[in-house]
């Protein structure tokens, strides 16, 4: 079960990173409006992924 959550979070992280790269490439108002929100989402997803990996590691001991 936890593996599925990890895969979903990794896919979501990939999508957020791609959205950020595309918006940064286009520039303009959309980049200014959403760049900070996407960065917060990226950092939150990365933290969640690290937490799940830590829980998986500790669960196997």
Protein backbone atom coordinates (compact mmCIF):
# COMPACT_ATOMS: atom_id res chain seq x y z
CA UNK A 1 0.00 0.00 0.00
CA UNK A 2 2.73 2.44 0.93
CA UNK A 3 4.49 1.70 -2.36
CA UNK A 4 1.45 2.93 -4.29
CA UNK A 5 1.41 6.15 -2.29
CA UNK A 6 5.11 6.63 -3.00
CA UNK A 7 4.59 6.09 -6.74
CA UNK A 8 1.68 8.55 -6.80
CA UNK A 9 3.76 11.17 -4.98
CA UNK A 10 6.68 10.69 -7.36
CA UNK A 11 4.39 11.10 -10.38
CA UNK A 12 2.86 14.22 -8.81
CA UNK A 13 6.34 15.60 -8.18
CA UNK A 14 7.31 14.99 -11.79
CA UNK A 15 4.19 16.81 -13.00
CA UNK A 16 4.82 19.79 -10.70
CA UNK A 17 8.43 20.04 -11.88
CA UNK A 18 7.37 19.86 -15.53
CA UNK A 19 4.70 22.53 -14.97
CA UNK A 20 7.33 24.76 -13.35
CA UNK A 21 9.78 24.29 -16.20
CA UNK A 22 7.12 25.00 -18.83
CA UNK A 23 5.90 28.12 -17.02
CA UNK A 24 9.44 29.34 -16.52
CA UNK A 25 10.11 28.85 -20.22
CA UNK A 26 7.02 30.82 -21.21
CA UNK A 27 7.53 33.57 -18.65
CA UNK A 28 4.96 36.32 -18.31
CA UNK A 29 2.13 36.73 -15.83
CA UNK A 30 1.46 33.02 -15.37
CA UNK A 31 5.06 32.42 -14.31
CA UNK A 32 4.92 35.32 -11.88
CA UNK A 33 1.58 34.15 -10.47
CA UNK A 34 2.28 30.43 -10.05
CA UNK A 35 6.05 30.02 -9.69
CA UNK A 36 6.08 30.37 -5.91
CA UNK A 37 3.06 28.07 -5.48
CA UNK A 38 4.70 25.42 -7.64
CA UNK A 39 7.94 25.71 -5.67
CA UNK A 40 6.06 25.21 -2.39
CA UNK A 41 4.23 22.21 -3.88
CA UNK A 42 7.54 20.75 -5.09
CA UNK A 43 9.24 21.11 -1.70
CA UNK A 44 6.19 19.66 0.08
CA UNK A 45 6.08 16.66 -2.25
CA UNK A 46 9.82 16.07 -1.87
CA UNK A 47 9.48 16.18 1.92
CA UNK A 48 6.56 13.77 1.81
CA UNK A 49 8.51 11.37 -0.39
CA UNK A 50 11.49 11.48 1.96
CA UNK A 51 9.23 10.87 4.96
CA UNK A 52 7.63 7.83 3.31
CA UNK A 53 11.03 6.43 2.33
CA UNK A 54 12.18 6.90 5.93
CA UNK A 55 9.06 5.14 7.22
CA UNK A 56 9.65 2.29 4.78
CA UNK A 57 13.27 1.99 5.90
CA UNK A 58 12.36 2.00 9.59
CA UNK A 59 9.54 -0.48 9.01
CA UNK A 60 11.90 -3.08 7.59
CA UNK A 61 14.14 -3.20 10.65
